[in-house]
C-alpha atoms as a PDB file:
ATOM      1  CA  MET A   1      -1.688   1.248   0.496  1.00  0.00           C
ATOM      2  CA  ILE A   2      -0.462  -0.935   1.905  1.00  0.00           C
ATOM      3  CA  LEU A   3       1.087  -1.495  -0.926  1.00  0.00           C
ATOM      4  CA  LYS A   4      -0.006  -7.026   0.853  1.00  0.00           C
ATOM      5  CA  ILE A   5       4.798  -8.233  -3.009  1.00  0.00           C
ATOM      6  CA  ARG A   6       2.569 -10.367  -1.143  1.00  0.00           C
ATOM      7  CA  PHE A   7       3.831  -7.657   1.133  1.00  0.00           C
ATOM      8  CA  HIS A   8       1.553  -9.404   3.602  1.00  0.00           C
ATOM      9  CA  ALA A   9       0.966  -6.494   5.900  1.00  0.00           C
ATOM     10  CA  CYS A  10       1.332  -4.526   2.772  1.00  0.00           C
ATOM     11  CA  LEU A  11      -1.349  -6.303   0.946  1.00  0.00           C
ATOM     12  CA  LEU A  12      -1.153  -2.611   0.661  1.00  0.00           C
ATOM     13  CA  MET A  13      -2.931  -2.182   3.287  1.00  0.00           C
ATOM     14  CA  PRO A  14      -1.179  -0.884   1.260  1.00  0.00           C
ATOM     15  CA  LEU A  15       1.899  -2.435   0.242  1.00  0.00           C
ATOM     16  CA  VAL A  16       4.727  -1.269   2.197  1.00  0.00           C
ATOM     17  CA  LEU A  17       6.120  -2.093   5.556  1.00  0.00           C
ATOM     18  CA  CYS A  18       8.457  -2.018   8.399  1.00  0.00           C
ATOM     19  CA  LEU A  19      11.655  -1.549  10.319  1.00  0.00           C
ATOM     20  CA  ALA A  20      14.613   0.374   8.997  1.00  0.00           C
ATOM     21  CA  ARG A  21      16.936  -2.154   7.518  1.00  0.00           C
ATOM     22  CA  PRO A  22      19.041  -2.036   4.352  1.00  0.00           C
ATOM     23  CA  ALA A  23      18.317  -4.435   1.540  1.00  0.00           C
ATOM     24  CA  LEU A  24      21.593  -6.121   0.658  1.00  0.00           C
ATOM     25  CA  ALA A  25      22.606  -5.490  -2.930  1.00  0.00           C
ATOM     26  CA  GLU A  26      23.507  -8.605  -4.860  1.00  0.00           C
ATOM     27  CA  ASN A  27      25.366  -7.135  -7.807  1.00  0.00           C
ATOM     28  CA  SER A  28      28.821  -6.373  -9.070  1.00  0.00           C
ATOM     29  CA  ARG A  29      28.175  -2.734  -9.936  1.00  0.00           C
ATOM     30  CA  PRO A  30      29.725   0.079  -7.930  1.00  0.00           C
ATOM     31  CA  VAL A  31      27.206   1.087  -5.278  1.00  0.00           C
ATOM     32  CA  SER A  32      26.527   4.784  -4.788  1.00  0.00           C
ATOM     33  CA  ALA A  33      25.867   6.617  -1.530  1.00  0.00           C
ATOM     34  CA  PRO A  34      22.926   5.148   0.405  1.00  0.00           C
ATOM     35  CA  VAL A  35      19.467   6.425  -0.483  1.00  0.00           C
ATOM     36  CA  THR A  36      16.820   6.441   2.238  1.00  0.00           C
ATOM     37  CA  VAL A  37      13.490   5.016   1.106  1.00  0.00           C
ATOM     38  CA  TYR A  38      10.538   5.666   3.395  1.00  0.00           C
ATOM     39  CA  VAL A  39       7.914   2.944   3.632  1.00  0.00           C
ATOM     40  CA  GLN A  40       4.666   2.847   5.541  1.00  0.00           C
ATOM     41  CA  GLU A  41       4.886   1.143   8.900  1.00  0.00           C
ATOM     42  CA  ALA A  42       2.723  -1.908   9.482  1.00  0.00           C
ATOM     43  CA  LEU A  43       1.484  -2.661  12.992  1.00  0.00           C
ATOM     44  CA  ASP A  44       0.787  -6.046  14.549  1.00  0.00           C
ATOM     45  CA  GLU A  45      -2.138  -6.918  16.813  1.00  0.00           C
ATOM     46  CA  ARG A  46      -0.375  -5.240  19.753  1.00  0.00           C
ATOM     47  CA  GLY A  47       0.281  -2.047  17.817  1.00  0.00           C
ATOM     48  CA  GLN A  48       3.988  -2.804  17.450  1.00  0.00           C
ATOM     49  CA  VAL A  49       5.826  -2.070  14.194  1.00  0.00           C
ATOM     50  CA  GLN A  50       6.384  -5.251  12.199  1.00  0.00           C
ATOM     51  CA  ALA A  51       9.751  -6.262  10.775  1.00  0.00           C
ATOM     52  CA  ILE A  52      10.322  -5.886   7.066  1.00  0.00           C
ATOM     53  CA  ALA A  53       8.849  -8.735   5.035  1.00  0.00           C
ATOM     54  CA  PRO A  54      11.153 -11.002   3.014  1.00  0.00           C
ATOM     55  CA  GLY A  55       9.219 -10.126  -0.142  1.00  0.00           C
ATOM     56  CA  LEU A  56       9.968  -6.438   0.292  1.00  0.00           C
ATOM     57  CA  VAL A  57      13.652  -7.146   0.932  1.00  0.00           C
ATOM     58  CA  LYS A  58      13.831  -9.008  -2.387  1.00  0.00           C
ATOM     59  CA  PHE A  59      11.952  -6.166  -4.088  1.00  0.00           C
ATOM     60  CA  PHE A  60      14.540  -3.586  -2.998  1.00  0.00           C
ATOM     61  CA  GLN A  61      17.342  -5.981  -3.873  1.00  0.00           C
ATOM     62  CA  PHE A  62      16.032  -6.065  -7.427  1.00  0.00           C
ATOM     63  CA  PHE A  63      16.232  -2.274  -7.694  1.00  0.00           C
ATOM     64  CA  GLU A  64      19.661  -2.191  -6.099  1.00  0.00           C
ATOM     65  CA  ARG A  65      20.930  -4.719  -8.622  1.00  0.00           C
ATOM     66  CA  GLU A  66      19.458  -2.898 -11.603  1.00  0.00           C
ATOM     67  CA  THR A  67      20.315   0.677 -10.586  1.00  0.00           C
ATOM     68  CA  GLY A  68      23.558   0.393  -8.618  1.00  0.00           C
ATOM     69  CA  LEU A  69      21.868   2.362  -5.827  1.00  0.00           C
ATOM     70  CA  HIS A  70      21.958   1.281  -2.189  1.00  0.00           C
ATOM     71  CA  PHE A  71      18.565   1.598  -0.498  1.00  0.00           C
ATOM     72  CA  ILE A  72      17.996   1.949   3.232  1.00  0.00           C
ATOM     73  CA  PRO A  73      14.288   1.325   3.951  1.00  0.00           C
ATOM     74  CA  VAL A  74      12.974   3.342   6.891  1.00  0.00           C
ATOM     75  CA  SER A  75       9.559   2.539   8.321  1.00  0.00           C
ATOM     76  CA  MET A  76       7.419   5.294   9.812  1.00  0.00           C
ATOM     77  CA  PRO A  77       3.845   6.606   9.918  1.00  0.00           C
ATOM     78  CA  TRP A  78       2.719   7.558   6.422  1.00  0.00           C
ATOM     79  CA  ASN A  79       2.150  11.261   7.052  1.00  0.00           C
ATOM     80  CA  ARG A  80       5.624  11.589   8.517  1.00  0.00           C
ATOM     81  CA  ALA A  81       7.084   9.628   5.595  1.00  0.00           C
ATOM     82  CA  LYS A  82       5.437  12.070   3.183  1.00  0.00           C
ATOM     83  CA  LEU A  83       6.816  15.033   5.106  1.00  0.00           C
ATOM     84  CA  MET A  84      10.365  13.651   5.160  1.00  0.00           C
ATOM     85  CA  THR A  85      10.166  12.986   1.431  1.00  0.00           C
ATOM     86  CA  GLN A  86       8.792  16.434   0.714  1.00  0.00           C
ATOM     87  CA  GLU A  87      11.760  17.914   2.594  1.00  0.00           C
ATOM     88  CA  GLY A  88      14.109  16.088   0.210  1.00  0.00           C
ATOM     89  CA  LYS A  89      15.476  13.657   2.804  1.00  0.00           C
ATOM     90  CA  GLY A  90      14.768  10.515   0.826  1.00  0.00           C
ATOM     91  CA  LEU A  91      12.490   8.702  -1.587  1.00  0.00           C
ATOM     92  CA  ILE A  92       9.147   7.166  -0.719  1.00  0.00           C
ATOM     93  CA  TRP A  93       7.832   3.813  -1.883  1.00  0.00           C
ATOM     94  CA  GLY A  94       4.188   2.825  -2.247  1.00  0.00           C
ATOM     95  CA  PHE A  95       2.963   6.287  -3.276  1.00  0.00           C
ATOM     96  CA  SER A  96      -0.304   6.957  -5.104  1.00  0.00           C
ATOM     97  CA  LYS A  97      -1.028   9.955  -7.277  1.00  0.00           C
ATOM     98  CA  SER A  98      -3.408  12.735  -6.266  1.00  0.00           C
ATOM     99  CA  PRO A  99      -3.827  16.295  -7.581  1.00  0.00           C
ATOM    100  CA  GLU A 100      -2.122  17.690  -4.454  1.00  0.00           C
ATOM    101  CA  ARG A 101       0.798  15.256  -4.635  1.00  0.00           C
ATOM    102  CA  LEU A 102       1.409  15.877  -8.332  1.00  0.00           C
ATOM    103  CA  ALA A 103       2.160  19.499  -7.476  1.00  0.00           C
ATOM    104  CA  ARG A 104       4.792  18.545  -4.869  1.00  0.00           C
ATOM    105  CA  PHE A 105       6.350  15.259  -5.947  1.00  0.00           C
ATOM    106  CA  ASP A 106       7.919  13.642  -8.979  1.00  0.00           C
ATOM    107  CA  PHE A 107       6.650  10.115  -9.549  1.00  0.00           C
ATOM    108  CA  SER A 108       8.377   7.100 -11.031  1.00  0.00           C
ATOM    109  CA  GLU A 109       6.735   5.050 -13.707  1.00  0.00           C
ATOM    110  CA  THR A 110       4.031   2.731 -12.416  1.00  0.00           C
ATOM    111  CA  VAL A 111       5.460  -0.275 -10.590  1.00  0.00           C
ATOM    112  CA  LEU A 112       2.150  -2.029  -9.968  1.00  0.00           C
ATOM    113  CA  ARG A 113      -1.577  -1.471  -9.928  1.00  0.00           C
ATOM    114  CA  SER A 114      -3.566  -2.156  -6.809  1.00  0.00           C
ATOM    115  CA  ARG A 115      -7.229  -3.108  -6.716  1.00  0.00           C
ATOM    116  CA  ILE A 116      -9.129  -1.219  -4.024  1.00  0.00           C
ATOM    117  CA  TRP A 117     -11.930  -3.325  -2.563  1.00  0.00           C
ATOM    118  CA  ALA A 118     -14.709  -2.237  -0.218  1.00  0.00           C
ATOM    119  CA  ILE A 119     -15.392  -4.323   2.904  1.00  0.00           C
ATOM    120  CA  ALA A 120     -18.495  -3.923   5.068  1.00  0.00           C
ATOM    121  CA  TYR A 121     -20.335  -5.656   7.907  1.00  0.00           C
ATOM    122  CA  GLY A 122     -23.841  -6.098   9.216  1.00  0.00           C
ATOM    123  CA  GLU A 123     -27.399  -5.587   8.060  1.00  0.00           C
ATOM    124  CA  PRO A 124     -28.811  -4.356   5.824  1.00  0.00           C
ATOM    125  CA  ILE A 125     -26.240  -5.526   3.278  1.00  0.00           C
ATOM    126  CA  MET A 126     -25.190  -2.598   1.125  1.00  0.00           C
ATOM    127  CA  ARG A 127     -24.889  -2.817  -2.624  1.00  0.00           C
ATOM    128  CA  LEU A 128     -21.206  -2.264  -3.372  1.00  0.00           C
ATOM    129  CA  ARG A 129     -20.735  -2.375  -7.119  1.00  0.00           C
ATOM    130  CA  ASN A 130     -19.407   1.068  -8.036  1.00  0.00           C
ATOM    131  CA  VAL A 131     -18.447   4.453  -6.624  1.00  0.00           C
ATOM    132  CA  THR A 132     -21.992   5.790  -6.639  1.00  0.00           C
ATOM    133  CA  ASP A 133     -22.955   3.079  -4.127  1.00  0.00           C
ATOM    134  CA  LEU A 134     -20.689   4.885  -1.636  1.00  0.00           C
ATOM    135  CA  GLN A 135     -22.908   7.964  -1.657  1.00  0.00           C
ATOM    136  CA  GLY A 136     -23.117   9.411   1.860  1.00  0.00           C
ATOM    137  CA  LYS A 137     -21.047   6.615   3.401  1.00  0.00           C
ATOM    138  CA  ILE A 138     -18.176   6.954   5.906  1.00  0.00           C
ATOM    139  CA  LEU A 139     -15.077   5.228   4.578  1.00  0.00           C
ATOM    140  CA  SER A 140     -12.195   4.028   6.718  1.00  0.00           C
ATOM    141  CA  VAL A 141      -8.765   4.482   5.129  1.00  0.00           C
ATOM    142  CA  GLU A 142      -5.316   4.318   6.657  1.00  0.00           C
ATOM    143  CA  ARG A 143      -4.017   7.652   7.877  1.00  0.00           C
ATOM    144  CA  GLY A 144      -2.307   9.610   5.102  1.00  0.00           C
ATOM    145  CA  VAL A 145      -3.155   7.066   2.406  1.00  0.00           C
ATOM    146  CA  SER A 146      -4.601   7.943  -0.998  1.00  0.00           C
ATOM    147  CA  HIS A 147      -6.239   5.390  -3.265  1.00  0.00           C
ATOM    148  CA  GLY A 148      -5.633   7.184  -6.541  1.00  0.00           C
ATOM    149  CA  MET A 149      -7.066   9.978  -8.645  1.00  0.00           C
ATOM    150  CA  GLU A 150     -10.654   8.718  -8.903  1.00  0.00           C
ATOM    151  CA  PHE A 151     -10.772   8.227  -5.133  1.00  0.00           C
ATOM    152  CA  GLU A 152      -9.456  11.757  -4.535  1.00  0.00           C
ATOM    153  CA  LEU A 153     -11.995  13.316  -6.891  1.00  0.00           C
ATOM    154  CA  ALA A 154     -14.881  11.550  -5.121  1.00  0.00           C
ATOM    155  CA  LYS A 155     -13.632  12.177  -1.563  1.00  0.00           C
ATOM    156  CA  ASN A 156     -15.833  14.590   0.408  1.00  0.00           C
ATOM    157  CA  LYS A 157     -18.191  14.794  -2.568  1.00  0.00           C
ATOM    158  CA  VAL A 158     -19.610  11.286  -2.881  1.00  0.00           C
ATOM    159  CA  PHE A 159     -18.416   9.952   0.477  1.00  0.00           C
ATOM    160  CA  LYS A 160     -16.649  11.060   3.637  1.00  0.00           C
ATOM    161  CA  VAL A 161     -13.279   9.706   4.717  1.00  0.00           C
ATOM    162  CA  GLU A 162     -12.036   8.938   8.222  1.00  0.00           C
ATOM    163  CA  GLU A 163      -8.304   8.345   8.504  1.00  0.00           C
ATOM    164  CA  ASP A 164      -7.529   5.531  10.906  1.00  0.00           C
ATOM    165  CA  THR A 165      -4.537   3.821  12.440  1.00  0.00           C
ATOM    166  CA  ALA A 166      -2.461   1.427  10.365  1.00  0.00           C
ATOM    167  CA  GLN A 167      -3.398  -1.338  12.819  1.00  0.00           C
ATOM    168  CA  SER A 168      -5.661  -3.557  10.727  1.00  0.00           C
ATOM    169  CA  SER A 169      -7.580  -5.179  13.571  1.00  0.00           C
ATOM    170  CA  ALA A 170      -8.636  -1.749  14.868  1.00  0.00           C
ATOM    171  CA  ARG A 171     -10.052  -0.819  11.474  1.00  0.00           C
ATOM    172  CA  PHE A 172     -12.069  -4.044  11.269  1.00  0.00           C
ATOM    173  CA  ARG A 173     -13.365  -3.574  14.829  1.00  0.00           C
ATOM    174  CA  LYS A 174     -14.502  -0.102  13.800  1.00  0.00           C
ATOM    175  CA  LEU A 175     -16.708  -1.729  11.168  1.00  0.00           C
ATOM    176  CA  LEU A 176     -18.188  -4.037  13.803  1.00  0.00           C
ATOM    177  CA  ALA A 177     -18.979  -1.055  16.021  1.00  0.00           C
ATOM    178  CA  LYS A 178     -20.703   0.777  13.115  1.00  0.00           C
ATOM    179  CA  ARG A 179     -18.314   3.700  13.470  1.00  0.00           C
ATOM    180  CA  SER A 180     -17.541   3.413   9.776  1.00  0.00           C
ATOM    181  CA  ASP A 181     -19.644   2.046   6.935  1.00  0.00           C
ATOM    182  CA  VAL A 182     -16.957   0.747   4.611  1.00  0.00           C
ATOM    183  CA  LEU A 183     -13.304  -0.197   4.926  1.00  0.00           C
ATOM    184  CA  LEU A 184     -11.166   0.282   1.816  1.00  0.00           C
ATOM    185  CA  TRP A 185      -8.542  -2.405   1.280  1.00  0.00           C
ATOM    186  CA  GLY A 186      -5.852  -2.290  -1.371  1.00  0.00           C
ATOM    187  CA  LEU A 187      -4.661  -5.597  -2.811  1.00  0.00           C
ATOM    188  CA  VAL A 188      -2.477  -6.524  -5.741  1.00  0.00           C
ATOM    189  CA  GLN A 189      -3.010 -10.244  -6.037  1.00  0.00           C
ATOM    190  CA  PHE A 190      -6.724 -10.947  -6.315  1.00  0.00           C
ATOM    191  CA  ASP A 191      -9.054  -9.988  -9.150  1.00  0.00           C
ATOM    192  CA  ARG A 192     -12.093 -11.989  -8.018  1.00  0.00           C
ATOM    193  CA  GLN A 193     -14.385 -11.570  -5.044  1.00  0.00           C
ATOM    194  CA  ASP A 194     -14.317 -15.275  -4.134  1.00  0.00           C
ATOM    195  CA  MET A 195     -10.498 -15.317  -4.067  1.00  0.00           C
ATOM    196  CA  LEU A 196     -10.453 -12.258  -1.827  1.00  0.00           C
ATOM    197  CA  LEU A 197     -12.993 -13.733   0.586  1.00  0.00           C
ATOM    198  CA  ASP A 198     -11.056 -16.995   0.751  1.00  0.00           C
ATOM    199  CA  TYR A 199      -7.886 -15.105   1.643  1.00  0.00           C
ATOM    200  CA  LEU A 200      -9.709 -12.858   4.132  1.00  0.00           C
ATOM    201  CA  TYR A 201     -11.219 -15.710   6.156  1.00  0.00           C
ATOM    202  CA  LYS A 202      -8.570 -18.410   5.881  1.00  0.00           C
ATOM    203  CA  ILE A 203      -5.384 -16.365   6.145  1.00  0.00           C
ATOM    204  CA  TYR A 204      -5.721 -12.666   6.863  1.00  0.00           C
ATOM    205  CA  LEU A 205      -8.194 -12.420   9.741  1.00  0.00           C
ATOM    206  CA  PRO A 206      -6.642 -15.391  11.613  1.00  0.00           C
ATOM    207  CA  SER A 207      -3.218 -13.755  11.232  1.00  0.00           C
ATOM    208  CA  LEU A 208      -4.474 -10.711  13.171  1.00  0.00           C
ATOM    209  CA  ARG A 209      -5.012 -12.894  16.277  1.00  0.00           C
ATOM    210  CA  ASP A 210      -7.970 -10.789  17.353  1.00  0.00           C
ATOM    211  CA  PRO A 211     -10.680 -12.988  18.931  1.00  0.00           C
ATOM    212  CA  GLU A 212     -13.255 -10.238  18.394  1.00  0.00           C
ATOM    213  CA  LEU A 213     -12.928 -10.665  14.626  1.00  0.00           C
ATOM    214  CA  LEU A 214     -12.977 -14.447  14.389  1.00  0.00           C
ATOM    215  CA  GLY A 215     -16.265 -15.853  13.150  1.00  0.00           C
ATOM    216  CA  LYS A 216     -17.559 -12.463  12.003  1.00  0.00           C
ATOM    217  CA  LYS A 217     -19.039 -12.397   8.502  1.00  0.00           C
ATOM    218  CA  PHE A 218     -17.778  -9.417   6.568  1.00  0.00           C
ATOM    219  CA  TYR A 219     -18.747  -8.951   2.939  1.00  0.00           C
ATOM    220  CA  VAL A 220     -16.889  -7.298   0.092  1.00  0.00           C
ATOM    221  CA  SER A 221     -17.707  -5.403  -3.065  1.00  0.00           C
ATOM    222  CA  SER A 222     -18.483  -7.487  -6.146  1.00  0.00           C
ATOM    223  CA  THR A 223     -15.561  -5.828  -7.973  1.00  0.00           C
ATOM    224  CA  PRO A 224     -12.810  -3.400  -6.971  1.00  0.00           C
ATOM    225  CA  LEU A 225     -14.236   0.100  -6.591  1.00  0.00           C
ATOM    226  CA  PHE A 226     -10.977   1.860  -7.450  1.00  0.00           C
ATOM    227  CA  TYR A 227      -7.742   1.038  -9.222  1.00  0.00           C
ATOM    228  CA  ASP A 228      -4.582   2.663  -7.914  1.00  0.00           C
ATOM    229  CA  SER A 229      -1.154   2.966  -9.506  1.00  0.00           C
ATOM    230  CA  ILE A 230       1.773   2.574  -7.088  1.00  0.00           C
ATOM    231  CA  HIS A 231       5.083   4.415  -7.478  1.00  0.00           C
ATOM    232  CA  PHE A 232       8.353   5.581  -6.030  1.00  0.00           C
ATOM    233  CA  ALA A 233       8.321   9.357  -5.553  1.00  0.00           C
ATOM    234  CA  ALA A 234      10.645  12.206  -4.622  1.00  0.00           C
ATOM    235  CA  ALA A 235      10.210  15.877  -3.813  1.00  0.00           C
ATOM    236  CA  LYS A 236      10.340  18.002  -6.936  1.00  0.00           C
ATOM    237  CA  GLY A 237      13.920  18.963  -7.706  1.00  0.00           C
ATOM    238  CA  HIS A 238      15.430  16.139  -5.649  1.00  0.00           C
ATOM    239  CA  PHE A 239      16.892  12.740  -6.566  1.00  0.00           C
ATOM    240  CA  GLY A 240      16.421  13.293 -10.289  1.00  0.00           C
ATOM    241  CA  LYS A 241      19.246  10.956 -11.354  1.00  0.00           C
ATOM    242  CA  GLU A 242      18.135   8.270  -8.937  1.00  0.00           C
ATOM    243  CA  MET A 243      14.568   8.456 -10.210  1.00  0.00           C
ATOM    244  CA  GLN A 244      15.775   8.101 -13.794  1.00  0.00           C
ATOM    245  CA  LYS A 245      17.654   4.921 -12.855  1.00  0.00           C
ATOM    246  CA  ILE A 246      14.577   3.591 -11.065  1.00  0.00           C
ATOM    247  CA  ASP A 247      12.436   4.204 -14.154  1.00  0.00           C
ATOM    248  CA  VAL A 248      14.875   2.238 -16.306  1.00  0.00           C
ATOM    249  CA  ALA A 249      14.763  -0.627 -13.794  1.00  0.00           C
ATOM    250  CA  ILE A 250      10.948  -0.571 -13.750  1.00  0.00           C
ATOM    251  CA  ARG A 251      10.759  -0.850 -17.534  1.00  0.00           C
ATOM    252  CA  LEU A 252      13.270  -3.695 -17.581  1.00  0.00           C
ATOM    253  CA  GLY A 253      11.571  -5.514 -14.712  1.00  0.00           C
ATOM    254  CA  LEU A 254       8.117  -5.285 -16.261  1.00  0.00           C
ATOM    255  CA  LYS A 255       9.411  -6.411 -19.646  1.00  0.00           C
ATOM    256  CA  SER A 256      11.205  -9.429 -18.187  1.00  0.00           C
ATOM    257  CA  GLY A 257       8.333 -10.263 -15.847  1.00  0.00           C
ATOM    258  CA  GLU A 258      10.595 -10.197 -12.790  1.00  0.00           C
ATOM    259  CA  LEU A 259       8.777  -7.295 -11.148  1.00  0.00           C
ATOM    260  CA  ASN A 260       5.417  -9.017 -11.573  1.00  0.00           C
ATOM    261  CA  ARG A 261       6.841 -12.139  -9.965  1.00  0.00           C
ATOM    262  CA  LEU A 262       8.221 -10.135  -7.059  1.00  0.00           C
ATOM    263  CA  VAL A 263       5.024  -8.255  -6.270  1.00  0.00           C
ATOM    264  CA  ASN A 264       2.973 -11.444  -6.417  1.00  0.00           C
ATOM    265  CA  ALA A 265       5.430 -13.659  -4.546  1.00  0.00           C
ATOM    266  CA  VAL A 266       4.250 -15.540  -1.487  1.00  0.00           C
ATOM    267  CA  ASP A 267       6.263 -14.755   1.667  1.00  0.00           C
END
């Protein structure tokens, strides 16, 4: 979701990123056998997988220091990451809860909460204030991504969902072409519409380097339409001890404020 710690490509669309590369533990504890952590790949404007963001490296370093575990982040498409996790081959980071997932995975305590905004384009301007305003609309979400329990309960009842590539520019171009009505965008940092729009136009869209998107006037919902809790997760019956250590680290990090600083850090 893609979880953007400002995990920039993560801004969650959705909050997770990149190439397989271990985060280097900075601690004096004995380090256990490496634990693979699957994260959602983020694609650049050419469709190439982006390298892991410095903010995410520091995030995993925090958990290594607090748990004594050694994490090896592996970036891959989200559906494949879910499958590998379900087969007990590693943990997954950036996972949202859904009724289906709760039956198959054990979740850590909540690491962060993401605000899920709606973005649209063109005339007539839709009212986007709550879930009921999405009635009958086609929503673009990243392939394999959930936006939490309320989203799952409304999916295919209030609105329809089309799962799209993780390449952000392609999703925005789909809005321009009227092939979707609304794009859902998960962000941790911003709680006001004006702050989101400022980031969208001054930083995010220019960073995509897509001339088709420059100068286009998208609009966003007045408030987030969903709120999503973000977790580590493991297949049921796997990595129980590791998940316990992660939960302890989450509680400590939230109490000290270090985790909040990490997930809101600027790259």
